[in-house]
Structures are given as structure tokens and as C-alpha cells.
């Protein structure tokens, strides 16, 4: 009898995961601990390794499907058993794989989840633990954890919401429409309008591409799907606005040049971002509303008395935000070292779960091709995010003289529900003052 591998319960309120990519196919021989599938949750991309050596008998979900925790996702014919390979079944109307026989109940005790950093495995429950029925695609509404959380915040019974997403999946607009008393989400009306060739009563004929108009459709899956969900939720929840100011980084550039040899000897890449992270802490102390979150459920502003600063990092799959925990305890060199490590781990998919959790403030850099400014979107539920843009030589007026200076813009996006414009401006200018005159740096920062 094939050995069934279930999607493990990984805690943190996660009820389901998306099958991003199968790493094996039916008929493949696999060894114990060999990665089987990449799964995306609200927290991170993870790989599930094989708990047994054998041959893949069948896959129970297609790529892109949302699978409830505890569902059987793959079956393995163990050594000595005859495998009858079969392809992954089609997903049901909900977009999730149908529960296979034996899918009910918690994961097997041998089933484990491997985080992409190859860190510790998370075991399933103890053998013999009481099992609970896992909802099938027809028994429970299909929605991501973020959408379920939004429903809870708005007091909406998600079971009563009609989904307008692919395969009937419930999306954020459906929940918000239900909260307002609407019978269904905006996306449903849009979908029906598209199907009938109308939108808001206006005929919109579908465009059929011609032979010289090639098109390619790329499924929105994995990290890209999570980015889309989180950005939409952020924009629809917070009252966002952006304040921009110019910063003269000439003194920072001189400090960096003066200590470049020491940084090189320590194997460090001393970037402007390291200085920004180091300079941030005092202004965050001074203006605590920017190191905060708004609890929508209780209507309370939560002031964070710790400083976990996130770094928005571009990867091949999209942006991810690893966290520098207790950034206020790190020297300049230590910050440079940690920023390099986290950025590399993000691009190589080696981040630990805890390195993606607990952020209180976020910094995003547009890099060398960052242009003049941007309007960063808040990393919900945070209330502030700082954009750091290209620094380059530009003419500036200093003491009545036109001279070349290292100038760049900083853009600060804020949630106006929590932070007023004047407070945000005062914070940004306090940060700029520290960057323009880094005399506060000490010898201890160079260790």
C-alpha cells in the first residue's frame, strides 16, 4: 500500500499552502530526505522532503492548487511494492486538490517540512493522535490565510462569501463587498462583465490576437501571488501617502571611503544602506509612531518597543522582506554583514522562517537605477516604509558656491491613519540630519 505524504501543520495560523512546483513526477525513484515539492505559504517558500525511499505512485494536486493542511499531496510506493504511476488529478471547483483517501487527520509523524535554508525540520503530530477531518474542496471555502484574516478583522463569516477568484476562490474584494452588505465581490462583477463583453454597461469587445501579435500567459503563483495579495491588502487597508526629501550623502561617502580598506579586510561590503539602517534607530526612538502598527480589530495603535527593521530584497521570483532583528543592538559593520547575509539568503531561498517575521519598519532600495523617487507600498500592518534612491554626484549650492555633492532622495510612505504629515516630515529630516553629519558614529561601529 503506498505511503501517503500529507501537507504538515506548520503552525503560525497557516491553514493551507500553494503547490508552487513539483520537483518529482509519477514514476520517479526517490530517496529519503529528497525534496518532493515547493510549497508557498503566507510566511515563506518551503520544500517538503520525502520521508521514505521508494517510487512516486501519484501526485494528488496540480501546480497552483491551494491545499489544506493535512491533505495527502503525494503517494510513495515503498521498496518491495509495485508502483502504478498516475498524473496529478485535476483540481476541483475551489482550486484546491480534492482530498485523497486517507487525507483526513493530521500529518504522519514521519512527515516533515524543510525550510529552504535547510534549517530544522518540523515534525508532524505524535502517532495515534486524534485525527480531525480535513475539509475537501466542496466542504470549505477556499481562501488564502491573508483573506481569512481580513474576513476576521471585518467580522465577515467567510463561509457565507461567494468567491469570485479562479475556480471560485474567495479574494479580498469579495470579503470587503460582503462587509458592506454587497452580495458578491467586485471581481465577480468584473468577471461577469468580461464574460458578457460588457463592463459598467459599456460594450468591450474582446481582443483576439492576430498571427503577428504573439502572447504568453504566465500563471500568477508562488511568491508573485503572495506579493499581489499583500500589496492589494495594504493599499485597500491603509491611508497611504508619501513624503520625499533630498539627502546630502557626501559625509557618508567620505566616511565609507576612509574605512573601505578596513571593511574589505573584514570581508564586508559597506553600502549606503548599512549607514541608513544605523542612522534610523535614533529617529525611531524619537518618533515611536513610525515604529508601530494599527490593530484594525481592536482599533489600537501598537507601539513597538523593539526595532526589527526589514530589507525589501529583489529575488528572481519577486520581492521578499528579510528582517534585521534588534537592529538597534548592531554596529555599522555588523549591520553591513547582516544585510549582505540576508540579501544573499533571500536570493538563494535559504531564509529561515524567523528571518521573515516580526518586522516593525521596512527599508527598500531602488538601487543604482532608482531614479529620482518612488512611492513604496507599506508592508502591512506596518505604518511606515523608507525608500532609498540612487546617490550620485550633482551640483549643489553650499555656502553660496556651486559644488559637486553626493545627493540622493529618500521617500517615506506612511499610514495617515496613524502618522500625520508633520510627524513624518520631522522624522525624515531627523534621519537626514544624522546622515548628513555622521559624527555620532563611534569606533565601536567599525567592529
Protein backbone atom coordinates (compact mmCIF):
# COMPACT_ATOMS: atom_id res chain seq x y z
CA UNK A 1 0.00 0.00 0.00
CA UNK A 2 1.51 3.38 -0.96
CA UNK A 3 2.77 5.68 1.77
CA UNK A 4 0.78 8.92 1.81
CA UNK A 5 2.63 12.20 2.44
CA UNK A 6 0.45 14.97 3.85
CA UNK A 7 0.94 18.72 3.97
CA UNK A 8 2.26 19.23 7.52
CA UNK A 9 0.78 21.58 10.09
CA UNK A 10 3.43 24.27 10.39
CA UNK A 11 1.64 26.46 12.91
CA UNK A 12 1.65 30.27 12.76
CA UNK A 13 -2.06 30.21 11.85
CA UNK A 14 -1.37 28.77 8.39
CA UNK A 15 -4.27 26.61 7.19
CA UNK A 16 -3.18 25.91 3.64
CA UNK A 17 -0.34 26.16 1.18
CA UNK A 18 0.03 26.61 -2.57
CA UNK A 19 1.69 23.92 -4.65
CA UNK A 20 4.21 26.07 -6.50
CA UNK A 21 6.35 23.45 -8.23
CA UNK A 22 6.63 19.69 -8.22
CA UNK A 23 10.23 18.51 -8.03
CA UNK A 24 9.32 14.94 -8.94
CA UNK A 25 6.81 13.20 -11.18
CA UNK A 26 4.91 9.93 -11.08
CA UNK A 27 7.26 7.01 -11.65
CA UNK A 28 10.37 8.76 -10.29
CA UNK A 29 12.54 6.92 -7.81
CA UNK A 30 13.15 9.00 -4.69
CA UNK A 31 15.35 8.69 -1.64
CA UNK A 32 14.57 9.65 1.91
CA UNK A 33 15.00 13.43 2.50
CA UNK A 34 14.96 14.17 -1.23
CA UNK A 35 12.88 17.35 -1.90
CA UNK A 36 9.48 16.49 -3.39
CA UNK A 37 7.62 19.76 -3.82
CA UNK A 38 7.92 23.50 -3.25
CA UNK A 39 5.04 24.98 -1.28
CA UNK A 40 4.29 28.67 -0.71
CA UNK A 41 2.61 29.86 2.48
CA UNK A 42 1.91 33.35 3.75
CA UNK A 43 5.25 33.20 5.55
CA UNK A 44 7.78 31.69 3.20
CA UNK A 45 8.58 29.30 0.38
CA UNK A 46 9.24 25.82 1.74
CA UNK A 47 10.22 22.40 0.45
CA UNK A 48 8.75 19.13 1.66
CA UNK A 49 11.27 16.25 1.63
CA UNK A 50 10.46 12.62 1.12
CA UNK A 51 10.02 10.76 4.41
CA UNK A 52 10.64 7.42 2.68
CA UNK A 53 12.67 5.79 -0.09
CA UNK A 54 10.59 4.44 -2.94
CA UNK A 55 8.87 5.31 -6.21
CA UNK A 56 6.36 8.13 -6.72
CA UNK A 57 2.99 6.40 -7.15
CA UNK A 58 0.86 9.50 -7.66
CA UNK A 59 0.64 13.25 -7.17
CA UNK A 60 -2.59 14.50 -5.62
CA UNK A 61 -2.51 18.19 -6.54
CA UNK A 62 -1.63 20.28 -9.54
CA UNK A 63 0.79 23.20 -9.52
CA UNK A 64 -1.06 26.33 -8.46
CA UNK A 65 -3.57 24.47 -6.27
CA UNK A 66 -4.26 25.63 -2.70
CA UNK A 67 -4.04 22.59 -0.43
CA UNK A 68 -5.38 22.43 3.16
CA UNK A 69 -3.02 21.34 5.90
CA UNK A 70 -3.37 17.60 6.47
CA UNK A 71 -4.31 16.77 2.88
CA UNK A 72 -2.45 13.98 1.09
CA UNK A 73 -0.33 15.59 -1.60
CA UNK A 74 1.75 12.66 -2.84
CA UNK A 75 1.86 8.88 -2.51
CA UNK A 76 5.05 6.82 -2.50
CA UNK A 77 5.30 3.12 -3.26
CA UNK A 78 7.84 1.81 -0.78
CA UNK A 79 10.56 -0.63 -1.70
CA UNK A 80 9.09 -4.04 -2.48
CA UNK A 81 5.75 -2.56 -3.54
CA UNK A 82 4.60 -2.14 -7.11
CA UNK A 83 4.02 1.46 -8.14
CA UNK A 84 1.24 2.39 -10.52
CA UNK A 85 2.18 5.90 -11.64
CA UNK A 86 -0.64 8.35 -12.20
CA UNK A 87 -0.66 12.03 -13.04
CA UNK A 88 -1.85 14.73 -10.72
CA UNK A 89 -5.66 14.93 -10.69
CA UNK A 90 -7.46 17.99 -11.90
CA UNK A 91 -8.31 20.41 -9.17
CA UNK A 92 -11.89 20.85 -8.12
CA UNK A 93 -14.01 23.99 -8.48
CA UNK A 94 -12.36 25.54 -5.44
CA UNK A 95 -8.89 25.45 -6.96
CA UNK A 96 -7.66 23.02 -4.33
CA UNK A 97 -6.75 19.40 -4.85
CA UNK A 98 -9.52 17.01 -3.81
CA UNK A 99 -8.81 15.14 -0.65
CA UNK A 100 -7.44 11.68 -1.35
CA UNK A 101 -8.45 8.62 0.66
CA UNK A 102 -6.74 8.87 3.99
CA UNK A 103 -6.29 12.62 3.67
CA UNK A 104 -8.24 13.29 6.84
CA UNK A 105 -6.36 13.78 10.04
CA UNK A 106 -3.04 15.37 10.97
CA UNK A 107 0.19 14.70 9.07
CA UNK A 108 2.01 11.42 9.64
CA UNK A 109 4.56 11.61 12.40
CA UNK A 110 7.25 11.00 9.80
CA UNK A 111 6.09 13.82 7.54
CA UNK A 112 8.37 16.80 7.91
CA UNK A 113 8.68 20.25 6.41
CA UNK A 114 12.05 21.57 5.33
CA UNK A 115 12.54 25.31 5.24
CA UNK A 116 14.61 26.45 2.26
CA UNK A 117 17.52 27.34 4.50
CA UNK A 118 17.97 23.63 5.27
CA UNK A 119 17.24 24.53 8.88
CA UNK A 120 15.42 22.32 11.37
CA UNK A 121 12.59 20.09 10.24
CA UNK A 122 9.17 20.43 11.79
CA UNK A 123 7.69 17.05 12.67
CA UNK A 124 4.06 16.09 12.49
CA UNK A 125 1.97 15.08 15.43
CA UNK A 126 2.60 12.09 17.64
CA UNK A 127 1.44 8.77 16.13
CA UNK A 128 -2.02 7.85 17.35
CA UNK A 129 -3.09 11.43 17.95
CA UNK A 130 -6.77 12.02 17.38
CA UNK A 131 -7.44 12.93 13.78
CA UNK A 132 -9.69 15.69 12.58
CA UNK A 133 -11.44 15.67 9.26
CA UNK A 134 -9.76 17.77 6.63
CA UNK A 135 -12.25 19.78 4.59
CA UNK A 136 -12.45 18.79 0.96
CA UNK A 137 -12.71 21.26 -1.87
CA UNK A 138 -16.53 21.13 -1.64
CA UNK A 139 -16.76 21.30 2.16
CA UNK A 140 -14.89 24.50 2.96
CA UNK A 141 -14.47 27.91 1.34
CA UNK A 142 -11.14 28.33 -0.41
CA UNK A 143 -9.25 31.46 0.59
CA UNK A 144 -5.69 32.31 1.47
CA UNK A 145 -4.71 32.90 5.10
CA UNK A 146 -4.46 36.63 4.38
CA UNK A 147 -8.04 36.71 3.07
CA UNK A 148 -9.27 34.69 6.05
CA UNK A 149 -7.55 37.15 8.39
CA UNK A 150 -9.21 40.06 6.59
CA UNK A 151 -12.61 38.38 6.97
CA UNK A 152 -11.99 38.01 10.70
CA UNK A 153 -10.98 41.67 11.00
CA UNK A 154 -14.13 42.82 9.20
CA UNK A 155 -16.43 40.44 11.07
CA UNK A 156 -17.42 38.52 7.94
CA UNK A 157 -18.32 34.82 8.09
CA UNK A 158 -16.16 33.56 5.27
CA UNK A 159 -18.45 30.54 4.77
CA UNK A 160 -21.15 32.92 3.57
CA UNK A 161 -18.98 34.67 0.98
CA UNK A 162 -19.25 33.77 -2.68
CA UNK A 163 -15.82 33.58 -4.26
CA UNK A 164 -15.02 35.38 -7.50
CA UNK A 165 -11.43 34.24 -7.92
CA UNK A 166 -10.13 31.44 -10.12
CA UNK A 167 -12.13 28.29 -9.53
CA UNK A 168 -14.42 30.07 -7.08
CA UNK A 169 -11.67 31.07 -4.66
CA UNK A 170 -12.58 33.88 -2.25
CA UNK A 171 -10.49 37.03 -2.75
CA UNK A 172 -10.12 40.15 -0.61
CA UNK A 173 -12.61 42.18 -2.69
CA UNK A 174 -15.28 39.53 -2.04
CA UNK A 175 -14.78 39.87 1.71
CA UNK A 176 -14.89 43.66 1.62
CA UNK A 177 -18.05 43.59 -0.51
CA UNK A 178 -19.67 41.21 1.97
CA UNK A 179 -18.69 43.51 4.85
CA UNK A 180 -20.52 46.35 3.08
CA UNK A 181 -23.59 44.22 2.54
CA UNK A 182 -22.88 43.53 -1.13
CA UNK A 183 -24.00 40.17 -2.47
CA UNK A 184 -20.68 39.44 -4.10
CA UNK A 185 -17.24 40.87 -4.73
CA UNK A 186 -16.19 43.44 -7.27
CA UNK A 187 -14.13 40.82 -9.04
CA UNK A 188 -17.29 38.78 -9.69
CA UNK A 189 -18.96 41.66 -11.47
CA UNK A 190 -15.81 42.29 -13.43
CA UNK A 191 -15.57 38.63 -14.40
CA UNK A 192 -19.20 38.52 -15.48
CA UNK A 193 -18.79 41.76 -17.38
CA UNK A 194 -15.78 40.35 -19.18
CA UNK A 195 -17.66 37.15 -19.99
CA UNK A 196 -20.58 39.07 -21.46
CA UNK A 197 -18.40 41.63 -23.19
CA UNK A 198 -19.66 44.49 -21.02
CA UNK A 199 -18.33 46.49 -18.10
CA UNK A 200 -20.42 49.08 -16.26
CA UNK A 201 -22.94 48.88 -19.10
CA UNK A 202 -20.39 49.61 -21.85
CA UNK A 203 -19.62 47.07 -24.54
CA UNK A 204 -15.99 45.96 -24.51
CA UNK A 205 -15.31 43.59 -27.39
CA UNK A 206 -12.64 41.01 -26.54
CA UNK A 207 -9.38 41.35 -28.38
CA UNK A 208 -8.37 38.33 -30.40
CA UNK A 209 -4.61 38.48 -31.05
CA UNK A 210 -3.55 38.21 -34.66
CA UNK A 211 -0.85 35.98 -36.04
CA UNK A 212 1.74 38.76 -35.67
CA UNK A 213 0.64 39.54 -32.10
CA UNK A 214 2.09 36.68 -30.05
CA UNK A 215 1.05 36.42 -26.42
CA UNK A 216 2.23 34.35 -23.49
CA UNK A 217 0.27 33.64 -20.31
CA UNK A 218 2.25 33.21 -17.10
CA UNK A 219 0.37 31.78 -14.09
CA UNK A 220 0.40 34.04 -11.02
CA UNK A 221 1.79 31.59 -8.48
CA UNK A 222 4.06 31.32 -5.51
CA UNK A 223 5.76 34.48 -4.29
CA UNK A 224 4.23 36.59 -7.06
CA UNK A 225 0.73 35.60 -5.92
CA UNK A 226 1.59 36.44 -2.31
CA UNK A 227 3.04 39.81 -3.31
CA UNK A 228 -0.14 40.61 -5.24
CA UNK A 229 -2.34 39.67 -2.28
CA UNK A 230 -0.31 41.57 0.30
CA UNK A 231 0.08 44.72 -1.83
CA UNK A 232 -3.63 44.81 -2.62
CA UNK A 233 -4.49 44.35 1.03
CA UNK A 234 -2.03 47.05 2.07
CA UNK A 235 -3.39 49.61 -0.38
CA UNK A 236 -7.02 48.84 0.44
CA UNK A 237 -6.47 48.95 4.21
CA UNK A 238 -4.13 51.85 4.97
CA UNK A 239 -4.49 55.52 4.05
CA UNK A 240 -1.10 55.78 2.37
CA UNK A 241 0.82 58.90 1.45
CA UNK A 242 4.47 59.59 0.60
CA UNK A 243 6.82 62.39 1.66
CA UNK A 244 10.09 62.91 -0.26
CA UNK A 245 13.21 64.90 0.67
CA UNK A 246 16.75 65.21 -0.66
CA UNK A 247 19.70 64.00 1.40
CA UNK A 248 23.33 65.07 1.03
CA UNK A 249 25.32 61.86 1.49
CA UNK A 250 28.72 63.48 0.92
CA UNK A 251 29.88 62.99 4.52
CA UNK A 252 28.72 59.37 4.48
CA UNK A 253 30.56 58.79 1.19
CA UNK A 254 33.74 60.24 2.73
CA UNK A 255 33.37 58.06 5.84
CA UNK A 256 32.86 54.98 3.69
CA UNK A 257 35.92 55.76 1.57
CA UNK A 258 38.02 56.36 4.68
CA UNK A 259 37.15 52.96 6.12
CA UNK A 260 36.85 50.94 2.91
CA UNK A 261 40.18 49.18 3.42
CA UNK A 262 39.15 48.11 6.92
CA UNK A 263 35.79 46.88 5.65
CA UNK A 264 37.45 44.99 2.81
CA UNK A 265 39.83 43.34 5.25
CA UNK A 266 36.82 42.20 7.27
CA UNK A 267 35.15 40.85 4.13
CA UNK A 268 32.38 43.45 4.28
CA UNK A 269 30.56 45.38 1.60
CA UNK A 270 29.97 48.76 3.23
CA UNK A 271 26.92 50.20 1.45
CA UNK A 272 24.80 53.31 1.94
CA UNK A 273 22.05 51.01 3.24
CA UNK A 274 24.19 49.99 6.21
CA UNK A 275 24.51 53.66 7.16
CA UNK A 276 20.77 54.21 6.72
CA UNK A 277 19.95 51.26 9.00
CA UNK A 278 22.42 52.53 11.59
CA UNK A 279 21.07 56.10 11.42
CA UNK A 280 17.41 55.03 11.64
CA UNK A 281 17.33 53.93 15.24
CA UNK A 282 17.52 57.29 16.98
CA UNK A 283 14.73 58.86 14.88
CA UNK A 284 12.58 55.78 15.53
CA UNK A 285 13.20 56.29 19.26
CA UNK A 286 12.25 59.94 18.87
CA UNK A 287 9.14 59.29 16.77
CA UNK A 288 7.67 55.99 18.06
CA UNK A 289 4.55 56.25 15.90
CA UNK A 290 6.62 55.20 12.91
CA UNK A 291 7.74 52.00 14.62
CA UNK A 292 4.18 50.85 15.17
CA UNK A 293 1.19 49.00 13.75
CA UNK A 294 -2.54 49.61 13.75
CA UNK A 295 -4.60 46.74 15.09
CA UNK A 296 -7.72 47.07 12.94
CA UNK A 297 -9.68 44.58 15.02
CA UNK A 298 -9.26 46.45 18.32
CA UNK A 299 -8.65 49.91 16.84
CA UNK A 300 -5.45 50.29 18.84
CA UNK A 301 -2.08 51.67 17.81
CA UNK A 302 0.57 49.17 18.87
CA UNK A 303 3.86 50.94 19.63
CA UNK A 304 6.76 48.53 19.18
CA UNK A 305 9.48 48.97 21.79
CA UNK A 306 11.89 46.83 19.76
CA UNK A 307 13.47 47.53 16.39
CA UNK A 308 13.18 44.78 13.79
CA UNK A 309 13.94 46.53 10.50
CA UNK A 310 13.07 44.78 7.24
CA UNK A 311 15.02 45.00 4.00
CA UNK A 312 12.90 44.65 0.85
CA UNK A 313 15.03 42.43 -1.37
CA UNK A 314 14.58 41.65 -5.05
CA UNK A 315 14.77 37.98 -5.99
CA UNK A 316 14.13 36.18 -9.26
CA UNK A 317 10.59 35.39 -8.05
CA UNK A 318 9.82 38.85 -6.64
CA UNK A 319 10.32 40.98 -3.55
CA UNK A 320 10.77 39.39 -0.15
CA UNK A 321 11.46 41.15 3.15
CA UNK A 322 14.00 39.53 5.49
CA UNK A 323 14.26 41.15 8.92
CA UNK A 324 17.26 42.52 10.80
CA UNK A 325 16.15 41.71 14.33
CA UNK A 326 17.19 44.12 17.11
CA UNK A 327 18.88 46.41 14.62
CA UNK A 328 19.48 48.88 17.45
CA UNK A 329 21.99 46.46 19.01
CA UNK A 330 24.24 46.20 15.94
CA UNK A 331 27.24 48.30 14.94
CA UNK A 332 27.72 49.71 11.45
CA UNK A 333 29.95 46.83 10.40
CA UNK A 334 27.62 44.28 12.00
CA UNK A 335 24.69 45.75 10.08
CA UNK A 336 26.65 45.64 6.82
CA UNK A 337 27.45 41.99 7.47
CA UNK A 338 23.84 41.10 8.34
CA UNK A 339 22.35 42.95 5.37
CA UNK A 340 24.65 41.14 2.97
CA UNK A 341 23.87 37.77 4.55
CA UNK A 342 20.09 38.26 4.49
CA UNK A 343 20.03 39.55 0.92
CA UNK A 344 22.08 36.57 -0.27
CA UNK A 345 19.92 34.11 1.68
CA UNK A 346 16.77 35.63 0.17
CA UNK A 347 18.08 35.28 -3.39
CA UNK A 348 19.20 31.70 -2.75
CA UNK A 349 15.95 30.73 -0.96
CA UNK A 350 17.81 29.95 2.26
CA UNK A 351 15.94 32.23 4.64
CA UNK A 352 14.72 30.84 7.94
CA UNK A 353 11.10 31.35 8.93
CA UNK A 354 12.02 33.62 11.83
CA UNK A 355 14.04 35.81 9.47
CA UNK A 356 10.79 36.78 7.74
CA UNK A 357 8.75 37.54 10.85
CA UNK A 358 8.33 40.36 13.33
CA UNK A 359 9.28 43.43 11.26
CA UNK A 360 8.40 46.83 12.71
CA UNK A 361 9.72 49.14 9.97
CA UNK A 362 10.93 48.48 6.42
CA UNK A 363 13.60 49.93 4.15
CA UNK A 364 13.53 49.43 0.40
CA UNK A 365 16.26 50.47 -2.01
CA UNK A 366 15.74 51.08 -5.70
CA UNK A 367 19.46 50.65 -6.29
CA UNK A 368 21.73 52.31 -8.79
CA UNK A 369 18.91 52.71 -11.32
CA UNK A 370 16.42 54.06 -8.82
CA UNK A 371 15.59 57.35 -10.49
CA UNK A 372 14.52 60.39 -8.51
CA UNK A 373 11.87 58.91 -6.22
CA UNK A 374 9.26 56.22 -5.77
CA UNK A 375 6.19 55.70 -3.62
CA UNK A 376 6.85 52.49 -1.64
CA UNK A 377 3.80 50.49 -0.56
CA UNK A 378 3.55 49.75 3.16
CA UNK A 379 4.45 46.28 4.38
CA UNK A 380 1.13 45.71 6.16
CA UNK A 381 0.49 46.01 9.10
CA UNK A 382 3.48 48.35 9.49
CA UNK A 383 2.74 52.07 9.19
CA UNK A 384 5.98 53.29 7.59
CA UNK A 385 8.43 52.29 4.87
CA UNK A 386 11.53 54.19 3.72
CA UNK A 387 12.68 54.25 0.11
CA UNK A 388 16.39 54.87 -0.54
CA UNK A 389 17.21 56.05 -4.05
CA UNK A 390 20.27 56.47 -6.21
CA UNK A 391 23.11 58.56 -4.78
CA UNK A 392 25.27 60.33 -7.36
CA UNK A 393 27.30 63.45 -7.91
CA UNK A 394 25.14 66.52 -8.55
CA UNK A 395 25.68 70.27 -8.40
CA UNK A 396 24.59 71.85 -5.13
CA UNK A 397 24.83 75.28 -3.53
CA UNK A 398 27.00 75.20 -0.39
CA UNK A 399 27.94 78.49 1.32
CA UNK A 400 26.93 80.39 -1.78
CA UNK A 401 29.10 78.26 -4.07
CA UNK A 402 28.08 75.65 -6.63
CA UNK A 403 29.94 72.46 -5.79
CA UNK A 404 29.64 68.75 -6.58
CA UNK A 405 27.96 66.75 -3.82
CA UNK A 406 26.75 63.16 -3.38
CA UNK A 407 22.99 63.62 -3.40
CA UNK A 408 20.07 61.23 -3.28
CA UNK A 409 16.38 61.25 -2.39
CA UNK A 410 14.62 59.48 0.45
CA UNK A 411 10.90 58.71 0.12
CA UNK A 412 8.85 57.88 3.20
CA UNK A 413 5.43 56.26 2.79
CA UNK A 414 3.15 56.39 5.81
CA UNK A 415 -0.27 55.28 7.01
CA UNK A 416 -2.11 58.56 7.57
CA UNK A 417 -4.44 56.80 9.99
CA UNK A 418 -1.53 56.69 12.43
CA UNK A 419 1.10 59.19 11.30
CA UNK A 420 0.37 62.79 10.34
CA UNK A 421 2.34 64.52 7.62
CA UNK A 422 4.15 66.84 10.01
CA UNK A 423 5.32 63.93 12.16
CA UNK A 424 6.52 62.03 9.11
CA UNK A 425 8.40 65.07 7.82
CA UNK A 426 10.05 65.65 11.19
CA UNK A 427 11.15 62.01 11.29
CA UNK A 428 12.62 62.12 7.79
CA UNK A 429 14.52 65.34 8.43
CA UNK A 430 15.87 63.92 11.71
CA UNK A 431 17.18 60.95 9.73
CA UNK A 432 18.65 63.22 7.05
CA UNK A 433 20.42 65.31 9.69
CA UNK A 434 22.16 62.19 11.02
CA UNK A 435 23.17 61.07 7.53
CA UNK A 436 24.49 64.49 6.58
CA UNK A 437 26.55 64.77 9.76
CA UNK A 438 27.65 61.26 10.88
CA UNK A 439 29.78 62.49 13.76
CA UNK A 440 27.71 60.27 16.06
CA UNK A 441 29.42 57.15 14.67
CA UNK A 442 31.94 55.70 17.13
CA UNK A 443 34.99 53.43 16.84
CA UNK A 444 32.73 50.62 18.02
CA UNK A 445 30.81 50.91 14.74
CA UNK A 446 33.88 49.64 12.90
CA UNK A 447 33.81 46.21 14.54
